[in-house]
Amino acid sequence: MSAIEAGAAIPDSALARAIGEFVRDTENELLFNHSSRVYHFGALAGLRRGLRFDRELLYAGAMFHDLGLMPAHSSREQRFEVDGAHAAREFLLAHGIPEDEAYTVWTAIALHTTPGIPQHMHPVVALVTAGVEMDVLGIDYESYADAQREAVVRAFPRTPHFKEDIIQAFYEGIRHKPQTAFGNVKADVLADKEPHSHRGDFCALIRASRWHG
């Protein structure tokens, strides 16, 4: 991918290869390609912003960020982001990564659907979200050169109907635990797919609390 700077390439390391192999064997093609694009777009954003970041940790965060949508890694009660974060932390610790670095990746994955916060945190946390927002929402789309976008998509293609496909993937990953959508963007996914479902209401919870005033 000649249009992508060396600083945004997938790391040529044993850890990165292990991550790529694990996720490729675990996720479907839709999510594997999406996660790979998230890494590249996040790394390119980091270079553009002049951030110093560990490419291996960013790769881990990007590749594991949607793992919790897969049935084999989906809990019955945790947010899918937390499921993926737990899986990434365990994987990294098993491969000798220090706890503080594994926790940075955990944080990046756990917060990647919580807008407005990650960009103020560690570069790896900020850039995983930046990559997700670019690939899913097109945020900062024009900040990437045409050649950069084309090279990333050529290497890891978007499906012809990726927008609807990724919404469906979110839905399939959370439909069995709708309570985990409360207070985050996935509530919109459930409202779209199940328009008659009852969504949690923060104000109702406050009013129903045991306090008397």
C-alpha atoms as a PDB file:
ATOM      1  CA  MET A   1       0.000   0.000   0.000  1.00  0.00           C
ATOM      2  CA  SER A   2       2.378   2.662  -1.274  1.00  0.00           C
ATOM      3  CA  ALA A   3      -0.010   5.547  -0.494  1.00  0.00           C
ATOM      4  CA  ILE A   4       0.170   4.818   3.221  1.00  0.00           C
ATOM      5  CA  GLU A   5       3.167   6.107   5.124  1.00  0.00           C
ATOM      6  CA  ALA A   6       5.435   3.583   6.779  1.00  0.00           C
ATOM      7  CA  GLY A   7       4.332   4.936  10.147  1.00  0.00           C
ATOM      8  CA  ALA A   8       0.794   3.773   9.454  1.00  0.00           C
ATOM      9  CA  ALA A   9       1.670   0.307   8.164  1.00  0.00           C
ATOM     10  CA  ILE A  10       0.775  -2.807  10.122  1.00  0.00           C
ATOM     11  CA  PRO A  11       3.729  -3.541  12.425  1.00  0.00           C
ATOM     12  CA  ASP A  12       6.035  -6.283  11.197  1.00  0.00           C
ATOM     13  CA  SER A  13       6.283  -8.072  14.515  1.00  0.00           C
ATOM     14  CA  ALA A  14       5.459 -11.422  16.049  1.00  0.00           C
ATOM     15  CA  LEU A  15       2.810  -9.808  18.260  1.00  0.00           C
ATOM     16  CA  ALA A  16       1.076  -8.087  15.357  1.00  0.00           C
ATOM     17  CA  ARG A  17       1.071 -11.291  13.344  1.00  0.00           C
ATOM     18  CA  ALA A  18      -0.411 -13.170  16.293  1.00  0.00           C
ATOM     19  CA  ILE A  19      -3.100 -10.512  16.693  1.00  0.00           C
ATOM     20  CA  GLY A  20      -3.963 -10.580  13.013  1.00  0.00           C
ATOM     21  CA  GLU A  21      -4.139 -14.373  12.891  1.00  0.00           C
ATOM     22  CA  PHE A  22      -6.273 -14.579  16.032  1.00  0.00           C
ATOM     23  CA  VAL A  23      -8.780 -11.982  14.882  1.00  0.00           C
ATOM     24  CA  ARG A  24      -8.939 -13.361  11.340  1.00  0.00           C
ATOM     25  CA  ASP A  25      -9.759 -16.790  12.774  1.00  0.00           C
ATOM     26  CA  THR A  26     -12.330 -15.353  15.189  1.00  0.00           C
ATOM     27  CA  GLU A  27     -14.218 -12.614  13.352  1.00  0.00           C
ATOM     28  CA  ASN A  28     -16.129 -12.684  10.103  1.00  0.00           C
ATOM     29  CA  GLU A  29     -14.713 -10.942   7.042  1.00  0.00           C
ATOM     30  CA  LEU A  30     -16.882  -7.865   7.524  1.00  0.00           C
ATOM     31  CA  LEU A  31     -15.493  -7.142  10.978  1.00  0.00           C
ATOM     32  CA  PHE A  32     -11.928  -8.212  10.207  1.00  0.00           C
ATOM     33  CA  ASN A  33     -11.684  -5.831   7.259  1.00  0.00           C
ATOM     34  CA  HIS A  34     -13.427  -3.071   9.197  1.00  0.00           C
ATOM     35  CA  SER A  35     -11.015  -3.479  12.112  1.00  0.00           C
ATOM     36  CA  SER A  36      -8.032  -3.430   9.768  1.00  0.00           C
ATOM     37  CA  ARG A  37      -9.247  -0.195   8.204  1.00  0.00           C
ATOM     38  CA  VAL A  38      -9.787   1.250  11.665  1.00  0.00           C
ATOM     39  CA  TYR A  39      -6.102   0.622  12.420  1.00  0.00           C
ATOM     40  CA  HIS A  40      -4.892   2.319   9.248  1.00  0.00           C
ATOM     41  CA  PHE A  41      -7.216   5.292   9.542  1.00  0.00           C
ATOM     42  CA  GLY A  42      -6.306   5.679  13.214  1.00  0.00           C
ATOM     43  CA  ALA A  43      -2.578   5.511  12.473  1.00  0.00           C
ATOM     44  CA  LEU A  44      -2.895   7.988   9.619  1.00  0.00           C
ATOM     45  CA  ALA A  45      -4.794  10.335  11.933  1.00  0.00           C
ATOM     46  CA  GLY A  46      -2.015  10.006  14.484  1.00  0.00           C
ATOM     47  CA  LEU A  47       0.633  10.930  11.940  1.00  0.00           C
ATOM     48  CA  ARG A  48      -1.407  13.885  10.743  1.00  0.00           C
ATOM     49  CA  ARG A  49      -1.889  15.114  14.312  1.00  0.00           C
ATOM     50  CA  GLY A  50       1.772  14.669  15.175  1.00  0.00           C
ATOM     51  CA  LEU A  51       1.049  12.164  17.940  1.00  0.00           C
ATOM     52  CA  ARG A  52       3.556   9.644  19.233  1.00  0.00           C
ATOM     53  CA  PHE A  53       1.912   6.240  19.512  1.00  0.00           C
ATOM     54  CA  ASP A  54       2.825   2.588  19.769  1.00  0.00           C
ATOM     55  CA  ARG A  55       1.705   0.926  16.538  1.00  0.00           C
ATOM     56  CA  GLU A  56       1.450  -2.519  18.136  1.00  0.00           C
ATOM     57  CA  LEU A  57      -0.868  -1.260  20.847  1.00  0.00           C
ATOM     58  CA  LEU A  58      -2.935   0.685  18.345  1.00  0.00           C
ATOM     59  CA  TYR A  59      -3.157  -2.407  16.153  1.00  0.00           C
ATOM     60  CA  ALA A  60      -4.300  -4.474  19.122  1.00  0.00           C
ATOM     61  CA  GLY A  61      -6.969  -1.935  20.031  1.00  0.00           C
ATOM     62  CA  ALA A  62      -8.231  -1.641  16.479  1.00  0.00           C
ATOM     63  CA  MET A  63      -8.290  -5.362  15.756  1.00  0.00           C
ATOM     64  CA  PHE A  64      -9.989  -6.366  19.009  1.00  0.00           C
ATOM     65  CA  HIS A  65     -12.401  -3.448  19.237  1.00  0.00           C
ATOM     66  CA  ASP A  66     -15.404  -5.354  17.825  1.00  0.00           C
ATOM     67  CA  LEU A  67     -14.499  -8.838  19.010  1.00  0.00           C
ATOM     68  CA  GLY A  68     -17.266  -8.656  21.617  1.00  0.00           C
ATOM     69  CA  LEU A  69     -19.831  -8.761  18.815  1.00  0.00           C
ATOM     70  CA  MET A  70     -18.850 -12.343  18.054  1.00  0.00           C
ATOM     71  CA  PRO A  71     -20.892 -14.991  19.908  1.00  0.00           C
ATOM     72  CA  ALA A  72     -17.795 -16.800  21.197  1.00  0.00           C
ATOM     73  CA  HIS A  73     -16.639 -13.642  22.975  1.00  0.00           C
ATOM     74  CA  SER A  74     -19.994 -12.160  23.948  1.00  0.00           C
ATOM     75  CA  SER A  75     -21.097 -12.186  27.577  1.00  0.00           C
ATOM     76  CA  ARG A  76     -24.724 -12.167  28.655  1.00  0.00           C
ATOM     77  CA  GLU A  77     -24.564  -8.897  30.579  1.00  0.00           C
ATOM     78  CA  GLN A  78     -21.517  -6.794  29.675  1.00  0.00           C
ATOM     79  CA  ARG A  79     -21.336  -4.193  26.928  1.00  0.00           C
ATOM     80  CA  PHE A  80     -19.742  -5.693  23.821  1.00  0.00           C
ATOM     81  CA  GLU A  81     -17.000  -3.087  24.105  1.00  0.00           C
ATOM     82  CA  VAL A  82     -16.074  -4.462  27.531  1.00  0.00           C
ATOM     83  CA  ASP A  83     -16.136  -8.037  26.254  1.00  0.00           C
ATOM     84  CA  GLY A  84     -13.680  -7.097  23.530  1.00  0.00           C
ATOM     85  CA  ALA A  85     -11.548  -5.120  25.954  1.00  0.00           C
ATOM     86  CA  HIS A  86     -11.302  -8.092  28.312  1.00  0.00           C
ATOM     87  CA  ALA A  87     -10.321 -10.401  25.452  1.00  0.00           C
ATOM     88  CA  ALA A  88      -7.627  -8.004  24.248  1.00  0.00           C
ATOM     89  CA  ARG A  89      -6.161  -7.544  27.722  1.00  0.00           C
ATOM     90  CA  GLU A  90      -5.984 -11.298  28.305  1.00  0.00           C
ATOM     91  CA  PHE A  91      -4.395 -11.847  24.900  1.00  0.00           C
ATOM     92  CA  LEU A  92      -1.769  -9.162  25.430  1.00  0.00           C
ATOM     93  CA  LEU A  93      -0.877 -10.311  28.938  1.00  0.00           C
ATOM     94  CA  ALA A  94      -0.495 -13.869  27.630  1.00  0.00           C
ATOM     95  CA  HIS A  95       1.969 -12.497  25.066  1.00  0.00           C
ATOM     96  CA  GLY A  96       4.102 -10.730  27.651  1.00  0.00           C
ATOM     97  CA  ILE A  97       2.767  -7.195  27.301  1.00  0.00           C
ATOM     98  CA  PRO A  98       3.002  -5.203  30.566  1.00  0.00           C
ATOM     99  CA  GLU A  99      -0.209  -4.620  32.506  1.00  0.00           C
ATOM    100  CA  ASP A 100      -0.176  -0.840  32.018  1.00  0.00           C
ATOM    101  CA  GLU A 101       0.060  -1.186  28.240  1.00  0.00           C
ATOM    102  CA  ALA A 102      -2.614  -3.879  28.164  1.00  0.00           C
ATOM    103  CA  TYR A 103      -4.839  -1.593  30.228  1.00  0.00           C
ATOM    104  CA  THR A 104      -4.331   1.223  27.717  1.00  0.00           C
ATOM    105  CA  VAL A 105      -5.646  -1.087  25.003  1.00  0.00           C
ATOM    106  CA  TRP A 106      -8.492  -2.154  27.294  1.00  0.00           C
ATOM    107  CA  THR A 107      -9.457   1.492  27.744  1.00  0.00           C
ATOM    108  CA  ALA A 108      -9.253   2.223  24.021  1.00  0.00           C
ATOM    109  CA  ILE A 109     -11.673  -0.595  23.230  1.00  0.00           C
ATOM    110  CA  ALA A 110     -14.027   0.023  26.140  1.00  0.00           C
ATOM    111  CA  LEU A 111     -14.477   3.695  25.185  1.00  0.00           C
ATOM    112  CA  HIS A 112     -14.589   3.490  21.406  1.00  0.00           C
ATOM    113  CA  THR A 113     -18.371   4.089  21.275  1.00  0.00           C
ATOM    114  CA  THR A 114     -18.307   6.876  23.859  1.00  0.00           C
ATOM    115  CA  PRO A 115     -17.904  10.085  21.839  1.00  0.00           C
ATOM    116  CA  GLY A 116     -16.350  13.214  23.245  1.00  0.00           C
ATOM    117  CA  ILE A 117     -13.944  11.574  25.712  1.00  0.00           C
ATOM    118  CA  PRO A 118     -11.300   9.411  23.953  1.00  0.00           C
ATOM    119  CA  GLN A 119      -9.733  12.302  22.034  1.00  0.00           C
ATOM    120  CA  HIS A 120      -8.580  13.794  25.338  1.00  0.00           C
ATOM    121  CA  MET A 121      -6.847  10.613  26.480  1.00  0.00           C
ATOM    122  CA  HIS A 122      -3.768   8.521  25.657  1.00  0.00           C
ATOM    123  CA  PRO A 123      -2.939   8.571  21.914  1.00  0.00           C
ATOM    124  CA  VAL A 124      -3.835   4.881  21.511  1.00  0.00           C
ATOM    125  CA  VAL A 125      -7.235   5.505  23.102  1.00  0.00           C
ATOM    126  CA  ALA A 126      -7.807   8.581  20.942  1.00  0.00           C
ATOM    127  CA  LEU A 127      -6.715   6.940  17.712  1.00  0.00           C
ATOM    128  CA  VAL A 128      -8.770   3.764  18.008  1.00  0.00           C
ATOM    129  CA  THR A 129     -11.849   5.967  18.261  1.00  0.00           C
ATOM    130  CA  ALA A 130     -10.602   8.196  15.434  1.00  0.00           C
ATOM    131  CA  GLY A 131     -10.266   5.156  13.199  1.00  0.00           C
ATOM    132  CA  VAL A 132     -13.707   3.869  14.133  1.00  0.00           C
ATOM    133  CA  GLU A 133     -15.319   7.257  13.569  1.00  0.00           C
ATOM    134  CA  MET A 134     -13.678   7.576  10.164  1.00  0.00           C
ATOM    135  CA  ASP A 135     -14.634   4.109   8.917  1.00  0.00           C
ATOM    136  CA  VAL A 136     -18.170   4.034  10.311  1.00  0.00           C
ATOM    137  CA  LEU A 137     -19.242   7.679  10.397  1.00  0.00           C
ATOM    138  CA  GLY A 138     -16.902   9.321   7.904  1.00  0.00           C
ATOM    139  CA  ILE A 139     -15.728  11.837  10.510  1.00  0.00           C
ATOM    140  CA  ASP A 140     -12.705  13.775   9.164  1.00  0.00           C
ATOM    141  CA  TYR A 141     -13.181  12.038   5.803  1.00  0.00           C
ATOM    142  CA  GLU A 142     -11.762  14.995   3.893  1.00  0.00           C
ATOM    143  CA  SER A 143      -8.653  15.063   6.093  1.00  0.00           C
ATOM    144  CA  TYR A 144      -7.454  11.874   4.398  1.00  0.00           C
ATOM    145  CA  ALA A 145      -6.024  12.065   0.904  1.00  0.00           C
ATOM    146  CA  ASP A 146      -8.013  10.284  -1.791  1.00  0.00           C
ATOM    147  CA  ALA A 147      -5.038   7.985  -2.374  1.00  0.00           C
ATOM    148  CA  GLN A 148      -4.915   7.075   1.322  1.00  0.00           C
ATOM    149  CA  ARG A 149      -8.595   6.176   1.499  1.00  0.00           C
ATOM    150  CA  GLU A 150      -8.417   4.223  -1.729  1.00  0.00           C
ATOM    151  CA  ALA A 151      -5.326   2.283  -0.654  1.00  0.00           C
ATOM    152  CA  VAL A 152      -6.861   1.261   2.679  1.00  0.00           C
ATOM    153  CA  VAL A 153     -10.130   0.167   1.101  1.00  0.00           C
ATOM    154  CA  ARG A 154      -8.311  -1.668  -1.669  1.00  0.00           C
ATOM    155  CA  ALA A 155      -6.360  -3.695   0.895  1.00  0.00           C
ATOM    156  CA  PHE A 156      -9.362  -4.268   3.199  1.00  0.00           C
ATOM    157  CA  PRO A 157     -12.516  -3.814   1.106  1.00  0.00           C
ATOM    158  CA  ARG A 158     -15.791  -2.412   2.339  1.00  0.00           C
ATOM    159  CA  THR A 159     -18.808  -4.529   1.478  1.00  0.00           C
ATOM    160  CA  PRO A 160     -21.114  -3.025  -1.190  1.00  0.00           C
ATOM    161  CA  HIS A 161     -23.609  -2.129   1.551  1.00  0.00           C
ATOM    162  CA  PHE A 162     -21.236  -1.644   4.458  1.00  0.00           C
ATOM    163  CA  LYS A 163     -23.330   1.006   6.188  1.00  0.00           C
ATOM    164  CA  GLU A 164     -26.282  -1.331   6.600  1.00  0.00           C
ATOM    165  CA  ASP A 165     -24.048  -4.354   7.152  1.00  0.00           C
ATOM    166  CA  ILE A 166     -22.251  -2.798  10.114  1.00  0.00           C
ATOM    167  CA  ILE A 167     -25.539  -1.666  11.672  1.00  0.00           C
ATOM    168  CA  GLN A 168     -26.792  -5.236  11.335  1.00  0.00           C
ATOM    169  CA  ALA A 169     -23.585  -6.565  12.894  1.00  0.00           C
ATOM    170  CA  PHE A 170     -24.050  -4.257  15.878  1.00  0.00           C
ATOM    171  CA  TYR A 171     -27.640  -5.404  16.230  1.00  0.00           C
ATOM    172  CA  GLU A 172     -26.824  -9.092  16.038  1.00  0.00           C
ATOM    173  CA  GLY A 173     -24.114  -8.615  18.645  1.00  0.00           C
ATOM    174  CA  ILE A 174     -26.315  -6.851  21.204  1.00  0.00           C
ATOM    175  CA  ARG A 175     -29.895  -7.999  20.554  1.00  0.00           C
ATOM    176  CA  HIS A 176     -29.644 -10.634  23.293  1.00  0.00           C
ATOM    177  CA  LYS A 177     -28.612  -8.056  25.905  1.00  0.00           C
ATOM    178  CA  PRO A 178     -30.500  -4.837  25.126  1.00  0.00           C
ATOM    179  CA  GLN A 179     -29.833  -3.491  28.610  1.00  0.00           C
ATOM    180  CA  THR A 180     -26.224  -2.869  27.585  1.00  0.00           C
ATOM    181  CA  ALA A 181     -27.367  -0.223  25.107  1.00  0.00           C
ATOM    182  CA  PHE A 182     -28.569   2.093  27.851  1.00  0.00           C
ATOM    183  CA  GLY A 183     -26.676   5.378  27.869  1.00  0.00           C
ATOM    184  CA  ASN A 184     -24.653   4.753  24.706  1.00  0.00           C
ATOM    185  CA  VAL A 185     -24.930   4.929  20.936  1.00  0.00           C
ATOM    186  CA  LYS A 186     -26.151   1.346  20.557  1.00  0.00           C
ATOM    187  CA  ALA A 187     -29.565   2.411  21.850  1.00  0.00           C
ATOM    188  CA  ASP A 188     -30.037   3.939  18.395  1.00  0.00           C
ATOM    189  CA  VAL A 189     -29.283   0.576  16.772  1.00  0.00           C
ATOM    190  CA  LEU A 190     -32.004  -1.141  18.792  1.00  0.00           C
ATOM    191  CA  ALA A 191     -34.450   1.679  18.083  1.00  0.00           C
ATOM    192  CA  ASP A 192     -33.743   1.285  14.365  1.00  0.00           C
ATOM    193  CA  LYS A 193     -34.103  -2.497  14.304  1.00  0.00           C
ATOM    194  CA  GLU A 194     -36.835  -2.806  16.937  1.00  0.00           C
ATOM    195  CA  PRO A 195     -38.865   0.426  16.731  1.00  0.00           C
ATOM    196  CA  HIS A 196     -41.407  -0.831  19.281  1.00  0.00           C
ATOM    197  CA  SER A 197     -38.823  -1.776  21.891  1.00  0.00           C
ATOM    198  CA  HIS A 198     -38.668   0.150  25.148  1.00  0.00           C
ATOM    199  CA  ARG A 199     -35.385   1.937  25.629  1.00  0.00           C
ATOM    200  CA  GLY A 200     -33.934   2.900  28.972  1.00  0.00           C
ATOM    201  CA  ASP A 201     -34.526   6.434  30.151  1.00  0.00           C
ATOM    202  CA  PHE A 202     -32.044   8.229  32.395  1.00  0.00           C
ATOM    203  CA  CYS A 203     -34.593  10.722  33.707  1.00  0.00           C
ATOM    204  CA  ALA A 204     -37.013   7.898  34.547  1.00  0.00           C
ATOM    205  CA  LEU A 205     -34.300   6.164  36.544  1.00  0.00           C
ATOM    206  CA  ILE A 206     -33.614   9.332  38.530  1.00  0.00           C
ATOM    207  CA  ARG A 207     -37.304   9.813  39.301  1.00  0.00           C
ATOM    208  CA  ALA A 208     -37.757   6.175  40.283  1.00  0.00           C
ATOM    209  CA  SER A 209     -34.853   6.136  42.714  1.00  0.00           C
ATOM    210  CA  ARG A 210     -35.487   5.587  46.446  1.00  0.00           C
ATOM    211  CA  TRP A 211     -34.637   9.174  47.317  1.00  0.00           C
ATOM    212  CA  HIS A 212     -37.535  11.379  48.425  1.00  0.00           C
ATOM    213  CA  GLY A 213     -36.553  14.616  46.817  1.00  0.00           C
END
